Amino acid sequence: MEKGEPHILAVLQNNLLAGAKVPKRVTGTRMEPLSHEELEVRYRKIDKGSHLVIANQVTGDIFVTGDDKLMKKYEYPNETLSQIDFKRAPQAPNEEHTSHSVGTICWDVVKEFKLMATGGKDGTLYVRHVNDIGKVPNPIKAHAIFTGGVTALCLSKSRTTLYSAGGDGCFMAWTIGGKPNSS
C-alpha cells in the first residue's frame, strides 16, 4: 500500500526498483496497454545484483535482496524513468540487514502475528518480527543446500506455523511460537 492505494513492486534487470498503482479499470480485451501516467509508474535506482523485493504490509517497509546477501530497506520509488541518471551511483539504502548466505529465494509476511519469513538457497529459514527486522534471527536449517535450498514458504494466518518446501522434495511444517498444531 502506498498513499492508501494498492501498488505493485518489482526489481528490474537494469538495477531499478519499480512501483506502480494497481489499475482500477479492466481494459476491453485485457491486452490493451495502460499508460504510465494512469498507473503512476515510478522508479528508484538500486544496487547492482538485486533480485527480490519484499513488501512488508504491516509497516509499509520495502526491502530488496540480492547477490550481496543483505536485505536493504528502500523508500518507495519516486522518479519517472526520464529522471533516472544511469551514470550516477544509486542512493544508499535506509538500512541494511543480514540475509541468507547464498541468496534469498522467497518470503512471506503475515499481519496477524506480525512476522516475516525468508527462505534461502542455503536451505535455511529466517523468521523475524516485523517491528525488529534488524535483529539477526536464529536460522532454521530446513532443506538441503545442494538441491537449491528453500524453494517456497508460507506463514499461516490462523496459527503460528511456517510451511516450507525445498528442492530436496520435502514439505515441512514448523511451529514457530505459541501452541503446536493439533494435527
N, C-alpha and C. Protein backbone atom coordinates (compact mmCIF):
# COMPACT_ATOMS: atom_id res chain seq x y z
N MET A 1 0.85 -1.18 0.00
CA MET A 1 0.00 0.00 0.00
C MET A 1 0.89 1.24 0.00
N GLU A 2 0.55 2.18 -0.81
CA GLU A 2 1.25 3.47 -0.87
C GLU A 2 0.17 4.53 -0.98
N LYS A 3 0.17 5.46 -0.05
CA LYS A 3 -0.84 6.53 -0.02
C LYS A 3 -2.26 5.95 0.00
N GLY A 4 -2.43 4.85 0.71
CA GLY A 4 -3.75 4.25 0.87
C GLY A 4 -4.25 3.44 -0.31
N GLU A 5 -3.44 3.28 -1.35
CA GLU A 5 -3.85 2.52 -2.54
C GLU A 5 -2.89 1.36 -2.78
N PRO A 6 -3.41 0.23 -3.29
CA PRO A 6 -2.53 -0.91 -3.56
C PRO A 6 -1.58 -0.62 -4.71
N HIS A 7 -0.35 -1.07 -4.56
CA HIS A 7 0.68 -0.88 -5.58
C HIS A 7 1.40 -2.19 -5.85
N ILE A 8 2.05 -2.23 -6.98
CA ILE A 8 2.86 -3.37 -7.40
C ILE A 8 4.32 -2.93 -7.35
N LEU A 9 5.20 -3.80 -6.85
CA LEU A 9 6.63 -3.52 -6.82
C LEU A 9 7.37 -4.61 -7.58
N ALA A 10 8.48 -4.23 -8.24
CA ALA A 10 9.29 -5.20 -8.97
C ALA A 10 10.73 -4.72 -9.02
N VAL A 11 11.66 -5.67 -9.02
CA VAL A 11 13.07 -5.38 -9.26
C VAL A 11 13.33 -5.68 -10.72
N LEU A 12 13.82 -4.68 -11.46
CA LEU A 12 14.07 -4.84 -12.89
C LEU A 12 15.54 -5.17 -13.15
N GLN A 13 15.84 -5.77 -14.29
CA GLN A 13 17.20 -6.19 -14.60
C GLN A 13 18.16 -5.03 -14.77
N ASN A 14 17.65 -3.83 -15.02
CA ASN A 14 18.54 -2.67 -15.19
C ASN A 14 18.79 -1.95 -13.86
N ASN A 15 18.71 -2.68 -12.76
CA ASN A 15 19.01 -2.18 -11.41
C ASN A 15 18.05 -1.07 -10.98
N LEU A 16 16.78 -1.26 -11.28
CA LEU A 16 15.76 -0.32 -10.85
C LEU A 16 14.71 -1.05 -10.02
N LEU A 17 14.22 -0.34 -9.00
CA LEU A 17 13.06 -0.78 -8.25
C LEU A 17 11.89 -0.01 -8.85
N ALA A 18 10.88 -0.71 -9.34
CA ALA A 18 9.73 -0.07 -9.99
C ALA A 18 8.49 -0.24 -9.13
N GLY A 19 7.68 0.81 -9.06
CA GLY A 19 6.43 0.76 -8.34
C GLY A 19 5.33 1.35 -9.21
N ALA A 20 4.14 0.76 -9.16
CA ALA A 20 3.01 1.25 -9.95
C ALA A 20 1.71 0.98 -9.21
N LYS A 21 0.73 1.85 -9.44
CA LYS A 21 -0.60 1.64 -8.87
C LYS A 21 -1.25 0.42 -9.53
N VAL A 22 -2.02 -0.32 -8.74
CA VAL A 22 -2.82 -1.40 -9.31
C VAL A 22 -3.94 -0.75 -10.10
N PRO A 23 -4.12 -1.14 -11.37
CA PRO A 23 -5.14 -0.49 -12.19
C PRO A 23 -6.55 -0.70 -11.62
N LYS A 24 -7.36 0.35 -11.72
CA LYS A 24 -8.73 0.28 -11.22
C LYS A 24 -9.71 -0.18 -12.30
N ARG A 25 -9.31 -0.06 -13.53
CA ARG A 25 -10.20 -0.46 -14.62
C ARG A 25 -9.60 -1.65 -15.37
N VAL A 26 -10.46 -2.40 -15.99
CA VAL A 26 -10.05 -3.51 -16.82
C VAL A 26 -10.19 -3.07 -18.27
N THR A 27 -9.16 -3.33 -19.05
CA THR A 27 -9.23 -2.97 -20.46
C THR A 27 -10.17 -3.94 -21.18
N GLY A 28 -10.69 -3.52 -22.30
CA GLY A 28 -11.68 -4.32 -23.04
C GLY A 28 -11.25 -5.74 -23.32
N THR A 29 -10.09 -5.90 -23.90
CA THR A 29 -9.61 -7.24 -24.27
C THR A 29 -8.58 -7.76 -23.28
N ARG A 30 -8.29 -7.00 -22.27
CA ARG A 30 -7.25 -7.30 -21.28
C ARG A 30 -5.86 -7.35 -21.91
N MET A 31 -5.76 -6.95 -23.16
CA MET A 31 -4.47 -6.91 -23.86
C MET A 31 -4.08 -5.48 -24.19
N GLU A 32 -4.99 -4.54 -23.96
CA GLU A 32 -4.69 -3.14 -24.23
C GLU A 32 -3.75 -2.61 -23.16
N PRO A 33 -2.71 -1.91 -23.56
CA PRO A 33 -1.77 -1.38 -22.54
C PRO A 33 -2.40 -0.23 -21.75
N LEU A 34 -1.99 -0.12 -20.50
CA LEU A 34 -2.37 1.01 -19.66
C LEU A 34 -1.22 2.00 -19.67
N SER A 35 -1.51 3.28 -19.59
CA SER A 35 -0.46 4.30 -19.69
C SER A 35 0.34 4.42 -18.40
N HIS A 36 1.59 4.88 -18.53
CA HIS A 36 2.45 5.12 -17.37
C HIS A 36 1.81 6.15 -16.44
N GLU A 37 1.14 7.13 -17.02
CA GLU A 37 0.52 8.18 -16.21
C GLU A 37 -0.64 7.62 -15.39
N GLU A 38 -1.44 6.76 -16.01
CA GLU A 38 -2.59 6.16 -15.33
C GLU A 38 -2.14 5.27 -14.17
N LEU A 39 -1.05 4.56 -14.36
CA LEU A 39 -0.52 3.66 -13.34
C LEU A 39 0.41 4.35 -12.36
N GLU A 40 0.79 5.59 -12.68
CA GLU A 40 1.75 6.35 -11.86
C GLU A 40 3.02 5.53 -11.59
N VAL A 41 3.64 5.05 -12.66
CA VAL A 41 4.85 4.23 -12.56
C VAL A 41 6.00 5.12 -12.09
N ARG A 42 6.71 4.67 -11.06
CA ARG A 42 7.86 5.39 -10.51
C ARG A 42 9.01 4.40 -10.35
N TYR A 43 10.24 4.95 -10.36
CA TYR A 43 11.44 4.12 -10.30
C TYR A 43 12.40 4.65 -9.25
N ARG A 44 13.27 3.77 -8.78
CA ARG A 44 14.38 4.13 -7.89
C ARG A 44 15.56 3.27 -8.29
N LYS A 45 16.69 3.91 -8.51
CA LYS A 45 17.91 3.17 -8.84
C LYS A 45 18.39 2.46 -7.58
N ILE A 46 18.72 1.17 -7.70
CA ILE A 46 19.17 0.38 -6.56
C ILE A 46 20.48 -0.32 -6.91
N ASP A 47 21.07 -0.99 -5.92
CA ASP A 47 22.36 -1.64 -6.11
C ASP A 47 22.30 -2.75 -7.16
N LYS A 48 23.39 -2.90 -7.89
CA LYS A 48 23.53 -3.94 -8.90
C LYS A 48 23.43 -5.30 -8.23
N GLY A 49 22.83 -6.25 -8.90
CA GLY A 49 22.73 -7.61 -8.38
C GLY A 49 21.51 -7.85 -7.50
N SER A 50 20.58 -6.91 -7.46
CA SER A 50 19.36 -7.09 -6.67
C SER A 50 18.38 -7.96 -7.47
N HIS A 51 17.68 -8.86 -6.76
CA HIS A 51 16.81 -9.81 -7.44
C HIS A 51 15.38 -9.85 -6.92
N LEU A 52 15.18 -9.61 -5.64
CA LEU A 52 13.90 -9.88 -5.00
C LEU A 52 13.46 -8.70 -4.16
N VAL A 53 12.19 -8.30 -4.28
CA VAL A 53 11.64 -7.22 -3.46
C VAL A 53 10.68 -7.84 -2.44
N ILE A 54 10.76 -7.36 -1.21
CA ILE A 54 9.91 -7.82 -0.12
C ILE A 54 9.11 -6.62 0.37
N ALA A 55 7.79 -6.70 0.27
CA ALA A 55 6.92 -5.62 0.73
C ALA A 55 6.30 -6.02 2.06
N ASN A 56 6.64 -5.30 3.10
CA ASN A 56 6.11 -5.58 4.43
C ASN A 56 4.79 -4.84 4.59
N GLN A 57 3.67 -5.56 4.49
CA GLN A 57 2.36 -4.92 4.55
C GLN A 57 2.03 -4.37 5.93
N VAL A 58 2.69 -4.83 6.96
CA VAL A 58 2.40 -4.36 8.32
C VAL A 58 2.98 -2.97 8.55
N THR A 59 4.25 -2.77 8.19
CA THR A 59 4.92 -1.50 8.45
C THR A 59 5.03 -0.61 7.22
N GLY A 60 4.80 -1.18 6.03
CA GLY A 60 4.95 -0.42 4.80
C GLY A 60 6.39 -0.38 4.30
N ASP A 61 7.30 -1.06 4.96
CA ASP A 61 8.71 -1.08 4.56
C ASP A 61 8.90 -1.88 3.27
N ILE A 62 9.90 -1.47 2.49
CA ILE A 62 10.26 -2.15 1.26
C ILE A 62 11.71 -2.61 1.39
N PHE A 63 11.94 -3.91 1.23
CA PHE A 63 13.28 -4.48 1.30
C PHE A 63 13.63 -5.11 -0.03
N VAL A 64 14.92 -5.07 -0.38
CA VAL A 64 15.42 -5.68 -1.60
C VAL A 64 16.60 -6.55 -1.21
N THR A 65 16.67 -7.77 -1.78
CA THR A 65 17.79 -8.66 -1.53
C THR A 65 18.44 -9.02 -2.86
N GLY A 66 19.68 -9.48 -2.77
CA GLY A 66 20.39 -9.84 -4.00
C GLY A 66 21.68 -10.56 -3.74
N ASP A 67 22.63 -10.38 -4.67
CA ASP A 67 23.90 -11.09 -4.63
C ASP A 67 24.75 -10.76 -3.40
N ASP A 68 24.57 -9.59 -2.82
CA ASP A 68 25.43 -9.18 -1.70
C ASP A 68 24.99 -9.77 -0.36
N LYS A 69 23.94 -10.60 -0.36
CA LYS A 69 23.48 -11.31 0.82
C LYS A 69 22.96 -10.40 1.93
N LEU A 70 22.50 -9.22 1.55
CA LEU A 70 21.93 -8.27 2.50
C LEU A 70 20.47 -8.01 2.17
N MET A 71 19.72 -7.64 3.17
CA MET A 71 18.35 -7.20 2.99
C MET A 71 18.38 -5.69 3.20
N LYS A 72 18.11 -4.93 2.12
CA LYS A 72 18.25 -3.48 2.14
C LYS A 72 16.88 -2.81 2.12
N LYS A 73 16.71 -1.83 3.00
CA LYS A 73 15.44 -1.10 3.09
C LYS A 73 15.52 0.15 2.23
N TYR A 74 14.53 0.33 1.35
CA TYR A 74 14.45 1.49 0.48
C TYR A 74 13.10 2.19 0.66
N GLU A 75 13.07 3.46 0.29
CA GLU A 75 11.82 4.20 0.22
C GLU A 75 11.10 3.80 -1.06
N TYR A 76 9.79 4.07 -1.12
CA TYR A 76 9.02 3.80 -2.33
C TYR A 76 9.63 4.61 -3.48
N PRO A 77 9.71 4.03 -4.68
CA PRO A 77 10.28 4.76 -5.83
C PRO A 77 9.53 6.08 -6.08
N ASN A 78 10.30 7.12 -6.47
CA ASN A 78 9.68 8.44 -6.63
C ASN A 78 10.08 9.18 -7.90
N GLU A 79 10.81 8.53 -8.81
CA GLU A 79 11.25 9.22 -10.03
C GLU A 79 10.60 8.59 -11.26
N THR A 80 10.39 9.41 -12.28
CA THR A 80 9.96 8.86 -13.56
C THR A 80 11.20 8.29 -14.26
N LEU A 81 10.98 7.51 -15.29
CA LEU A 81 12.10 6.89 -16.00
C LEU A 81 13.02 7.96 -16.60
N SER A 82 12.47 9.06 -17.07
CA SER A 82 13.29 10.12 -17.68
C SER A 82 14.14 10.86 -16.63
N GLN A 83 13.78 10.77 -15.36
CA GLN A 83 14.55 11.43 -14.30
C GLN A 83 15.73 10.59 -13.81
N ILE A 84 15.78 9.32 -14.15
CA ILE A 84 16.84 8.43 -13.68
C ILE A 84 18.14 8.74 -14.41
N ASP A 85 19.19 8.96 -13.64
CA ASP A 85 20.52 9.17 -14.20
C ASP A 85 21.29 7.86 -14.05
N PHE A 86 21.42 7.11 -15.14
CA PHE A 86 22.06 5.80 -15.07
C PHE A 86 23.57 5.88 -14.89
N LYS A 87 24.14 7.08 -15.01
CA LYS A 87 25.58 7.24 -14.84
C LYS A 87 25.98 7.44 -13.38
N ARG A 88 25.05 7.85 -12.53
CA ARG A 88 25.38 8.06 -11.12
C ARG A 88 25.07 6.81 -10.31
N ALA A 89 25.77 6.68 -9.20
CA ALA A 89 25.54 5.54 -8.31
C ALA A 89 24.19 5.70 -7.61
N PRO A 90 23.56 4.59 -7.22
CA PRO A 90 22.27 4.70 -6.53
C PRO A 90 22.46 5.27 -5.13
N GLN A 91 21.41 5.90 -4.61
CA GLN A 91 21.46 6.37 -3.22
C GLN A 91 21.58 5.17 -2.30
N ALA A 92 22.25 5.37 -1.19
CA ALA A 92 22.41 4.29 -0.21
C ALA A 92 21.05 3.92 0.37
N PRO A 93 20.84 2.64 0.69
CA PRO A 93 19.57 2.25 1.31
C PRO A 93 19.45 2.86 2.71
N ASN A 94 18.23 2.92 3.23
CA ASN A 94 18.00 3.46 4.57
C ASN A 94 18.59 2.57 5.64
N GLU A 95 18.51 1.25 5.44
CA GLU A 95 19.04 0.27 6.40
C GLU A 95 19.56 -0.93 5.62
N GLU A 96 20.48 -1.67 6.25
CA GLU A 96 20.95 -2.94 5.70
C GLU A 96 20.94 -3.98 6.81
N HIS A 97 20.44 -5.18 6.49
CA HIS A 97 20.36 -6.26 7.47
C HIS A 97 20.90 -7.55 6.87
N THR A 98 21.40 -8.43 7.71
CA THR A 98 21.92 -9.72 7.28
C THR A 98 20.79 -10.55 6.68
N SER A 99 21.10 -11.22 5.58
CA SER A 99 20.13 -12.12 4.96
C SER A 99 20.81 -13.48 4.75
N HIS A 100 20.32 -14.27 3.84
CA HIS A 100 20.83 -15.62 3.64
C HIS A 100 22.21 -15.61 2.99
N SER A 101 23.04 -16.57 3.37
CA SER A 101 24.45 -16.59 2.94
C SER A 101 24.63 -16.86 1.45
N VAL A 102 23.69 -17.53 0.82
CA VAL A 102 23.83 -17.85 -0.60
C VAL A 102 22.83 -17.05 -1.44
N GLY A 103 21.79 -16.56 -0.86
CA GLY A 103 20.79 -15.78 -1.58
C GLY A 103 19.38 -16.08 -1.08
N THR A 104 18.56 -15.05 -1.05
CA THR A 104 17.17 -15.19 -0.62
C THR A 104 16.32 -15.53 -1.83
N ILE A 105 15.46 -16.54 -1.69
CA ILE A 105 14.64 -17.03 -2.79
C ILE A 105 13.17 -16.63 -2.63
N CYS A 106 12.65 -16.70 -1.41
CA CYS A 106 11.22 -16.48 -1.21
C CYS A 106 10.97 -15.83 0.15
N TRP A 107 9.75 -15.32 0.32
CA TRP A 107 9.41 -14.62 1.55
C TRP A 107 7.90 -14.62 1.76
N ASP A 108 7.48 -14.33 2.98
CA ASP A 108 6.08 -14.13 3.29
C ASP A 108 5.99 -13.26 4.54
N VAL A 109 4.94 -12.45 4.61
CA VAL A 109 4.66 -11.62 5.78
C VAL A 109 3.24 -11.92 6.19
N VAL A 110 3.02 -12.08 7.50
CA VAL A 110 1.66 -12.31 7.99
C VAL A 110 1.33 -11.23 9.02
N LYS A 111 0.26 -10.46 8.72
CA LYS A 111 -0.15 -9.35 9.58
C LYS A 111 -0.62 -9.83 10.95
N GLU A 112 -1.32 -10.96 10.98
CA GLU A 112 -1.94 -11.44 12.20
C GLU A 112 -0.93 -11.67 13.33
N PHE A 113 0.26 -12.13 13.01
CA PHE A 113 1.29 -12.38 14.03
C PHE A 113 2.48 -11.44 13.92
N LYS A 114 2.42 -10.51 12.96
CA LYS A 114 3.49 -9.54 12.71
C LYS A 114 4.84 -10.23 12.53
N LEU A 115 4.84 -11.24 11.65
CA LEU A 115 6.05 -12.00 11.37
C LEU A 115 6.39 -11.93 9.90
N MET A 116 7.69 -11.96 9.60
CA MET A 116 8.19 -12.04 8.23
C MET A 116 9.15 -13.22 8.17
N ALA A 117 8.97 -14.07 7.17
CA ALA A 117 9.85 -15.22 6.99
C ALA A 117 10.52 -15.12 5.63
N THR A 118 11.79 -15.53 5.57
CA THR A 118 12.50 -15.62 4.31
C THR A 118 13.13 -17.00 4.20
N GLY A 119 13.25 -17.47 2.96
CA GLY A 119 13.90 -18.75 2.70
C GLY A 119 15.02 -18.54 1.71
N GLY A 120 16.11 -19.29 1.89
CA GLY A 120 17.27 -19.07 1.05
C GLY A 120 17.77 -20.30 0.33
N LYS A 121 18.64 -20.06 -0.65
CA LYS A 121 19.31 -21.13 -1.37
C LYS A 121 20.17 -21.98 -0.43
N ASP A 122 20.53 -21.38 0.71
CA ASP A 122 21.35 -22.10 1.70
C ASP A 122 20.55 -23.13 2.48
N GLY A 123 19.25 -23.26 2.22
CA GLY A 123 18.41 -24.25 2.88
C GLY A 123 17.85 -23.81 4.22
N THR A 124 18.09 -22.56 4.60
CA THR A 124 17.62 -22.08 5.90
C THR A 124 16.39 -21.18 5.77
N LEU A 125 15.69 -21.08 6.88
CA LEU A 125 14.55 -20.18 7.03
C LEU A 125 14.90 -19.17 8.12
N TYR A 126 14.55 -17.92 7.92
CA TYR A 126 14.67 -16.88 8.95
C TYR A 126 13.28 -16.36 9.25
N VAL A 127 12.94 -16.27 10.52
CA VAL A 127 11.66 -15.69 10.94
C VAL A 127 11.99 -14.48 11.78
N ARG A 128 11.45 -13.33 11.40
CA ARG A 128 11.71 -12.06 12.10
C ARG A 128 10.39 -11.41 12.49
N HIS A 129 10.42 -10.68 13.60
CA HIS A 129 9.27 -9.86 13.96
C HIS A 129 9.34 -8.59 13.12
N VAL A 130 8.23 -8.16 12.54
CA VAL A 130 8.26 -7.04 11.60
C VAL A 130 8.70 -5.73 12.24
N ASN A 131 8.56 -5.59 13.53
CA ASN A 131 8.98 -4.36 14.20
C ASN A 131 10.44 -4.41 14.65
N ASP A 132 11.12 -5.55 14.44
CA ASP A 132 12.52 -5.70 14.83
C ASP A 132 13.28 -6.46 13.75
N ILE A 133 13.22 -5.95 12.53
CA ILE A 133 13.84 -6.61 11.38
C ILE A 133 15.35 -6.72 11.55
N GLY A 134 15.98 -5.76 12.23
CA GLY A 134 17.42 -5.73 12.37
C GLY A 134 18.00 -6.82 13.24
N LYS A 135 17.19 -7.42 14.09
CA LYS A 135 17.67 -8.50 14.96
C LYS A 135 17.94 -9.73 14.10
N VAL A 136 19.17 -10.22 14.15
CA VAL A 136 19.55 -11.39 13.34
C VAL A 136 18.87 -12.62 13.94
N PRO A 137 18.00 -13.27 13.18
CA PRO A 137 17.27 -14.44 13.71
C PRO A 137 18.13 -15.69 13.73
N ASN A 138 17.74 -16.62 14.57
CA ASN A 138 18.39 -17.94 14.55
C ASN A 138 17.91 -18.67 13.31
N PRO A 139 18.82 -19.20 12.50
CA PRO A 139 18.38 -19.90 11.29
C PRO A 139 17.72 -21.23 11.62
N ILE A 140 16.70 -21.56 10.87
CA ILE A 140 16.09 -22.89 10.93
C ILE A 140 16.66 -23.65 9.75
N LYS A 141 17.44 -24.67 10.01
CA LYS A 141 18.02 -25.47 8.93
C LYS A 141 16.94 -26.42 8.42
N ALA A 142 16.44 -26.12 7.23
CA ALA A 142 15.24 -26.79 6.75
C ALA A 142 15.48 -27.75 5.60
N HIS A 143 16.18 -27.32 4.56
CA HIS A 143 16.29 -28.11 3.33
C HIS A 143 17.74 -28.20 2.88
N ALA A 144 18.02 -29.17 2.02
CA ALA A 144 19.38 -29.43 1.56
C ALA A 144 19.86 -28.32 0.63
N ILE A 145 21.08 -27.85 0.89
CA ILE A 145 21.66 -26.77 0.08
C ILE A 145 21.98 -27.26 -1.34
N PHE A 146 22.41 -28.50 -1.50
CA PHE A 146 22.86 -28.99 -2.81
C PHE A 146 21.70 -29.20 -3.78
N THR A 147 20.45 -29.10 -3.32
CA THR A 147 19.29 -29.24 -4.21
C THR A 147 18.58 -27.90 -4.43
N GLY A 148 19.20 -26.82 -4.01
CA GLY A 148 18.62 -25.49 -4.23
C GLY A 148 18.01 -24.86 -3.00
N GLY A 149 18.06 -25.56 -1.85
CA GLY A 149 17.58 -24.97 -0.61
C GLY A 149 16.07 -24.84 -0.57
N VAL A 150 15.60 -23.75 0.07
CA VAL A 150 14.17 -23.49 0.21
C VAL A 150 13.65 -22.95 -1.13
N THR A 151 12.57 -23.53 -1.63
CA THR A 151 12.01 -23.07 -2.90
C THR A 151 10.69 -22.32 -2.71
N ALA A 152 10.00 -22.56 -1.60
CA ALA A 152 8.73 -21.87 -1.32
C ALA A 152 8.45 -21.92 0.17
N LEU A 153 7.73 -20.90 0.65
CA LEU A 153 7.32 -20.89 2.05
C LEU A 153 6.03 -20.12 2.21
N CYS A 154 5.34 -20.38 3.32
CA CYS A 154 4.08 -19.70 3.61
C CYS A 154 3.87 -19.69 5.11
N LEU A 155 3.53 -18.52 5.66
CA LEU A 155 3.17 -18.40 7.07
C LEU A 155 1.66 -18.54 7.20
N SER A 156 1.22 -19.33 8.17
CA SER A 156 -0.21 -19.48 8.42
C SER A 156 -0.77 -18.20 9.02
N LYS A 157 -1.97 -17.83 8.60
CA LYS A 157 -2.62 -16.64 9.15
C LYS A 157 -3.46 -16.96 10.39
N SER A 158 -3.69 -18.26 10.67
CA SER A 158 -4.52 -18.65 11.81
C SER A 158 -3.76 -19.32 12.94
N ARG A 159 -2.54 -19.74 12.70
CA ARG A 159 -1.72 -20.34 13.77
C ARG A 159 -0.26 -20.01 13.49
N THR A 160 0.55 -20.10 14.49
CA THR A 160 1.97 -19.73 14.33
C THR A 160 2.74 -20.90 13.72
N THR A 161 2.46 -21.15 12.46
CA THR A 161 3.10 -22.25 11.73
C THR A 161 3.68 -21.71 10.44
N LEU A 162 4.88 -22.19 10.13
CA LEU A 162 5.56 -21.85 8.88
C LEU A 162 5.66 -23.12 8.06
N TYR A 163 5.21 -23.06 6.81
CA TYR A 163 5.29 -24.19 5.90
C TYR A 163 6.40 -23.91 4.90
N SER A 164 7.22 -24.91 4.62
CA SER A 164 8.31 -24.72 3.65
C SER A 164 8.41 -25.92 2.73
N ALA A 165 8.89 -25.65 1.51
CA ALA A 165 9.15 -26.69 0.53
C ALA A 165 10.56 -26.45 0.00
N GLY A 166 11.22 -27.53 -0.39
CA GLY A 166 12.59 -27.38 -0.87
C GLY A 166 12.85 -28.18 -2.11
N GLY A 167 13.99 -27.90 -2.74
CA GLY A 167 14.43 -28.64 -3.91
C GLY A 167 14.73 -30.08 -3.60
N ASP A 168 14.83 -30.42 -2.31
CA ASP A 168 15.08 -31.79 -1.89
C ASP A 168 13.81 -32.64 -1.91
N GLY A 169 12.67 -32.04 -2.30
CA GLY A 169 11.41 -32.78 -2.38
C GLY A 169 10.64 -32.84 -1.08
N CYS A 170 11.11 -32.19 -0.05
CA CYS A 170 10.45 -32.22 1.25
C CYS A 170 9.50 -31.04 1.42
N PHE A 171 8.40 -31.30 2.12
CA PHE A 171 7.45 -30.25 2.53
C PHE A 171 7.39 -30.36 4.05
N MET A 172 7.61 -29.24 4.74
CA MET A 172 7.68 -29.27 6.20
C MET A 172 6.78 -28.21 6.82
N ALA A 173 6.31 -28.50 8.03
CA ALA A 173 5.53 -27.55 8.83
C ALA A 173 6.32 -27.29 10.12
N TRP A 174 6.54 -26.02 10.42
CA TRP A 174 7.34 -25.62 11.57
C TRP A 174 6.47 -24.81 12.54
N THR A 175 6.43 -25.22 13.82
CA THR A 175 5.76 -24.42 14.84
C THR A 175 6.77 -23.37 15.29
N ILE A 176 6.44 -22.10 15.12
CA ILE A 176 7.41 -21.03 15.38
C ILE A 176 7.03 -20.19 16.58
N GLY A 177 6.10 -20.66 17.38
CA GLY A 177 5.69 -19.96 18.58
C GLY A 177 4.29 -20.35 18.94
N GLY A 178 3.91 -20.11 20.17
CA GLY A 178 2.56 -20.45 20.60
C GLY A 178 2.39 -21.94 20.74
N LYS A 179 1.15 -22.39 20.65
CA LYS A 179 0.83 -23.81 20.80
C LYS A 179 1.03 -24.54 19.48
N PRO A 180 1.53 -25.77 19.54
CA PRO A 180 1.69 -26.54 18.31
C PRO A 180 0.33 -26.88 17.70
N ASN A 181 0.34 -27.17 16.42
CA ASN A 181 -0.89 -27.58 15.73
C ASN A 181 -1.37 -28.91 16.27
N SER A 182 -2.67 -29.07 16.32
CA SER A 182 -3.23 -30.33 16.83
C SER A 182 -3.11 -31.46 15.83
N SER A 183 -2.98 -31.11 14.53
CA SER A 183 -2.91 -32.18 13.52
C SER A 183 -1.50 -32.28 12.96
